[in-house]
């Protein structure tokens, strides 16, 4: 059976998109359990108390892993575009 409904929503407004470093504990754990050196990146929420607060989700870091450097760059570029605050009142 395939699940056709969304499981949730992650509000990425004002998040930073960063490559995950090899010394990051989650990257190290992932590499140890999968025995693969995949390319990892993360979404980091704005600092607590910043004016750009989260509206839908709890502030936590989300990690992602992909197979190639090109795929990582594509995802990071798309997520960076999605996190930019747009002023829709200006045409």
N, C-alpha and C. Protein backbone atom coordinates (compact mmCIF):
# COMPACT_ATOMS: atom_id res chain seq x y z
N UNK A 1 0.85 -1.18 0.00
CA UNK A 1 0.00 0.00 0.00
C UNK A 1 0.89 1.24 0.00
N UNK A 2 0.58 2.18 -0.88
CA UNK A 2 1.34 3.42 -0.92
C UNK A 2 0.62 4.51 -0.15
N UNK A 3 1.39 5.27 0.58
CA UNK A 3 0.84 6.40 1.33
C UNK A 3 0.71 7.58 0.39
N UNK A 4 -0.46 8.13 0.24
CA UNK A 4 -0.67 9.25 -0.69
C UNK A 4 -0.89 10.58 0.02
N UNK A 5 -0.88 10.58 1.33
CA UNK A 5 -1.08 11.83 2.07
C UNK A 5 0.24 12.30 2.67
N UNK A 6 0.37 13.61 2.79
CA UNK A 6 1.58 14.16 3.40
C UNK A 6 1.64 13.79 4.86
N UNK A 7 2.84 13.67 5.38
CA UNK A 7 3.03 13.31 6.79
C UNK A 7 3.24 14.53 7.67
N UNK A 8 3.50 15.67 7.04
CA UNK A 8 3.71 16.88 7.81
C UNK A 8 4.26 17.98 6.94
N UNK A 9 4.63 19.07 7.57
CA UNK A 9 5.13 20.24 6.88
C UNK A 9 6.31 20.79 7.66
N UNK A 10 7.37 21.13 6.96
CA UNK A 10 8.53 21.76 7.59
C UNK A 10 8.59 23.19 7.08
N UNK A 11 8.42 24.15 7.96
CA UNK A 11 8.53 25.56 7.60
C UNK A 11 10.00 25.91 7.53
N UNK A 12 10.51 26.18 6.33
CA UNK A 12 11.93 26.48 6.17
C UNK A 12 12.20 27.97 5.99
N UNK A 13 11.22 28.79 6.32
CA UNK A 13 11.41 30.24 6.24
C UNK A 13 12.61 30.66 7.07
N UNK A 14 13.50 31.42 6.46
CA UNK A 14 14.68 31.99 7.12
C UNK A 14 15.71 30.95 7.57
N UNK A 15 15.58 29.72 7.13
CA UNK A 15 16.59 28.70 7.44
C UNK A 15 17.86 28.94 6.62
N UNK A 16 18.97 28.45 7.13
CA UNK A 16 20.22 28.44 6.39
C UNK A 16 20.41 27.05 5.82
N UNK A 17 20.90 26.98 4.58
CA UNK A 17 21.19 25.71 3.93
C UNK A 17 22.71 25.58 3.91
N UNK A 18 23.23 24.56 4.60
CA UNK A 18 24.68 24.42 4.75
C UNK A 18 25.12 22.99 4.46
N UNK A 19 26.32 22.83 3.90
CA UNK A 19 26.85 21.46 3.81
C UNK A 19 27.15 20.96 5.21
N UNK A 20 26.88 19.70 5.45
CA UNK A 20 27.17 19.11 6.75
C UNK A 20 28.63 18.70 6.77
N UNK A 21 29.30 18.98 7.85
CA UNK A 21 30.73 18.66 7.96
C UNK A 21 30.92 17.22 8.40
N UNK A 22 32.06 16.68 8.05
CA UNK A 22 32.36 15.29 8.39
C UNK A 22 32.39 15.06 9.90
N UNK A 23 32.69 16.10 10.69
CA UNK A 23 32.74 15.92 12.13
C UNK A 23 31.38 16.12 12.81
N UNK A 24 30.34 16.39 12.02
CA UNK A 24 28.99 16.51 12.54
C UNK A 24 28.55 15.13 13.04
N UNK A 25 27.99 15.04 14.24
CA UNK A 25 27.69 13.73 14.83
C UNK A 25 26.69 12.93 14.01
N UNK A 26 25.72 13.58 13.36
CA UNK A 26 24.74 12.85 12.57
C UNK A 26 25.35 12.33 11.27
N UNK A 27 26.24 13.09 10.69
CA UNK A 27 26.91 12.65 9.47
C UNK A 27 27.80 11.45 9.79
N UNK A 28 28.51 11.54 10.89
CA UNK A 28 29.37 10.43 11.31
C UNK A 28 28.54 9.18 11.59
N UNK A 29 27.40 9.32 12.23
CA UNK A 29 26.52 8.19 12.53
C UNK A 29 25.98 7.59 11.24
N UNK A 30 25.55 8.44 10.32
CA UNK A 30 25.03 7.96 9.04
C UNK A 30 26.10 7.18 8.28
N UNK A 31 27.28 7.73 8.20
CA UNK A 31 28.37 7.06 7.48
C UNK A 31 28.71 5.73 8.13
N UNK A 32 28.69 5.67 9.46
CA UNK A 32 29.02 4.44 10.16
C UNK A 32 27.95 3.36 9.95
N UNK A 33 26.69 3.75 9.91
CA UNK A 33 25.62 2.75 9.77
C UNK A 33 25.42 2.30 8.33
N UNK A 34 25.65 3.18 7.36
CA UNK A 34 25.42 2.81 5.96
C UNK A 34 26.69 2.38 5.25
N UNK A 35 27.83 2.73 5.85
CA UNK A 35 29.14 2.45 5.25
C UNK A 35 29.28 3.06 3.87
N UNK A 36 28.63 4.20 3.68
CA UNK A 36 28.71 4.92 2.41
C UNK A 36 29.10 6.36 2.69
N UNK A 37 29.85 6.96 1.80
CA UNK A 37 30.25 8.35 1.96
C UNK A 37 29.39 9.27 1.15
N UNK A 38 28.11 9.28 1.44
CA UNK A 38 27.20 10.13 0.68
C UNK A 38 27.43 11.60 1.02
N UNK A 39 26.88 12.45 0.17
CA UNK A 39 27.00 13.90 0.36
C UNK A 39 25.84 14.37 1.24
N UNK A 40 26.18 15.05 2.34
CA UNK A 40 25.18 15.46 3.32
C UNK A 40 25.11 16.97 3.43
N UNK A 41 23.89 17.47 3.65
CA UNK A 41 23.70 18.90 3.90
C UNK A 41 22.58 19.03 4.93
N UNK A 42 22.41 20.24 5.44
CA UNK A 42 21.43 20.45 6.51
C UNK A 42 20.71 21.77 6.37
N UNK A 43 19.53 21.83 6.94
CA UNK A 43 18.75 23.06 7.08
C UNK A 43 18.81 23.47 8.54
N UNK A 44 19.28 24.68 8.79
CA UNK A 44 19.45 25.16 10.16
C UNK A 44 18.45 26.29 10.40
N UNK A 45 17.60 26.17 11.44
CA UNK A 45 16.58 27.19 11.71
C UNK A 45 17.20 28.50 12.20
N UNK A 46 16.43 29.60 12.11
CA UNK A 46 16.91 30.87 12.65
C UNK A 46 17.11 30.77 14.16
N UNK A 47 17.96 31.62 14.69
CA UNK A 47 18.25 31.61 16.12
C UNK A 47 16.99 31.91 16.92
N UNK A 48 16.84 31.30 18.10
CA UNK A 48 15.68 31.59 18.95
C UNK A 48 15.61 33.08 19.25
N UNK A 49 14.41 33.60 19.20
CA UNK A 49 14.22 35.01 19.51
C UNK A 49 14.42 35.93 18.32
N UNK A 50 14.81 35.38 17.17
CA UNK A 50 14.97 36.24 16.00
C UNK A 50 13.60 36.68 15.51
N UNK A 51 13.56 37.73 14.77
CA UNK A 51 12.28 38.26 14.31
C UNK A 51 11.64 37.36 13.26
N UNK A 52 12.40 36.44 12.71
CA UNK A 52 11.88 35.54 11.69
C UNK A 52 11.61 34.19 12.34
N UNK A 53 10.60 34.14 13.17
CA UNK A 53 10.30 32.91 13.88
C UNK A 53 9.62 31.89 13.00
N UNK A 54 9.62 30.67 13.46
CA UNK A 54 8.97 29.59 12.74
C UNK A 54 7.49 29.59 13.06
N UNK A 55 6.69 29.20 12.08
CA UNK A 55 5.25 29.19 12.31
C UNK A 55 4.65 27.80 12.36
N UNK A 56 5.26 26.81 11.68
CA UNK A 56 4.64 25.50 11.59
C UNK A 56 5.36 24.40 12.35
N UNK A 57 6.66 24.50 12.47
CA UNK A 57 7.42 23.39 13.03
C UNK A 57 8.31 23.84 14.17
N UNK A 58 8.72 22.87 14.97
CA UNK A 58 9.67 23.19 16.04
C UNK A 58 11.02 23.48 15.42
N UNK A 59 11.78 24.40 16.02
CA UNK A 59 13.09 24.73 15.46
C UNK A 59 14.10 23.61 15.71
N UNK A 60 14.42 22.87 14.66
CA UNK A 60 15.44 21.84 14.76
C UNK A 60 16.16 21.73 13.43
N UNK A 61 17.35 21.19 13.47
CA UNK A 61 18.16 21.01 12.27
C UNK A 61 17.68 19.76 11.54
N UNK A 62 17.51 19.87 10.23
CA UNK A 62 17.10 18.74 9.39
C UNK A 62 18.27 18.36 8.50
N UNK A 63 18.60 17.07 8.46
CA UNK A 63 19.73 16.56 7.68
C UNK A 63 19.24 15.81 6.45
N UNK A 64 20.02 15.91 5.36
CA UNK A 64 19.70 15.24 4.11
C UNK A 64 20.97 14.60 3.56
N UNK A 65 20.82 13.47 2.86
CA UNK A 65 21.95 12.79 2.24
C UNK A 65 21.57 12.40 0.82
N UNK A 66 22.47 12.65 -0.13
CA UNK A 66 22.26 12.30 -1.53
C UNK A 66 23.50 11.59 -2.05
N UNK A 67 23.38 11.03 -3.25
CA UNK A 67 24.45 10.19 -3.78
C UNK A 67 25.59 10.92 -4.46
N UNK A 68 25.33 12.11 -5.02
CA UNK A 68 26.38 12.80 -5.77
C UNK A 68 26.52 14.25 -5.34
N UNK A 69 27.68 14.82 -5.63
CA UNK A 69 27.92 16.23 -5.32
C UNK A 69 26.99 17.12 -6.15
N UNK A 70 26.75 16.75 -7.40
CA UNK A 70 25.87 17.54 -8.27
C UNK A 70 24.44 17.56 -7.73
N UNK A 71 23.98 16.41 -7.27
CA UNK A 71 22.64 16.32 -6.68
C UNK A 71 22.55 17.19 -5.42
N UNK A 72 23.59 17.16 -4.61
CA UNK A 72 23.62 17.98 -3.40
C UNK A 72 23.55 19.46 -3.77
N UNK A 73 24.34 19.87 -4.74
CA UNK A 73 24.32 21.29 -5.16
C UNK A 73 22.95 21.69 -5.68
N UNK A 74 22.30 20.82 -6.44
CA UNK A 74 20.96 21.12 -6.95
C UNK A 74 19.93 21.30 -5.85
N UNK A 75 19.94 20.37 -4.89
CA UNK A 75 19.01 20.47 -3.76
C UNK A 75 19.29 21.72 -2.93
N UNK A 76 20.57 21.98 -2.67
CA UNK A 76 20.92 23.15 -1.85
C UNK A 76 20.49 24.44 -2.55
N UNK A 77 20.70 24.53 -3.85
CA UNK A 77 20.30 25.73 -4.60
C UNK A 77 18.79 25.92 -4.54
N UNK A 78 18.04 24.83 -4.74
CA UNK A 78 16.57 24.92 -4.70
C UNK A 78 16.08 25.32 -3.31
N UNK A 79 16.68 24.74 -2.27
CA UNK A 79 16.27 25.08 -0.91
C UNK A 79 16.65 26.51 -0.54
N UNK A 80 17.79 26.98 -1.04
CA UNK A 80 18.17 28.37 -0.77
C UNK A 80 17.15 29.33 -1.39
N UNK A 81 16.70 29.03 -2.60
CA UNK A 81 15.68 29.86 -3.23
C UNK A 81 14.38 29.84 -2.42
N UNK A 82 14.04 28.69 -1.90
CA UNK A 82 12.79 28.53 -1.15
C UNK A 82 12.83 29.23 0.20
N UNK A 83 14.00 29.45 0.77
CA UNK A 83 14.09 30.06 2.10
C UNK A 83 14.20 31.57 2.05
N UNK A 84 14.35 32.13 0.85
CA UNK A 84 14.48 33.59 0.73
C UNK A 84 13.14 34.23 1.01
N UNK A 85 13.13 35.23 1.86
CA UNK A 85 11.90 35.96 2.14
C UNK A 85 11.60 36.89 0.98
N UNK A 86 10.42 36.74 0.40
CA UNK A 86 10.00 37.60 -0.70
C UNK A 86 8.98 38.60 -0.20
N UNK A 87 9.13 39.85 -0.61
CA UNK A 87 8.14 40.89 -0.28
C UNK A 87 7.14 40.92 -1.43
N UNK A 88 6.01 40.26 -1.25
CA UNK A 88 5.02 40.14 -2.32
C UNK A 88 4.19 41.40 -2.49
N UNK A 89 4.41 42.42 -1.65
CA UNK A 89 3.67 43.68 -1.81
C UNK A 89 4.30 44.55 -2.88
N UNK A 90 5.52 44.20 -3.30
CA UNK A 90 6.20 44.96 -4.35
C UNK A 90 6.05 44.19 -5.66
N UNK A 91 5.50 44.86 -6.69
CA UNK A 91 5.30 44.16 -7.98
C UNK A 91 6.61 43.81 -8.66
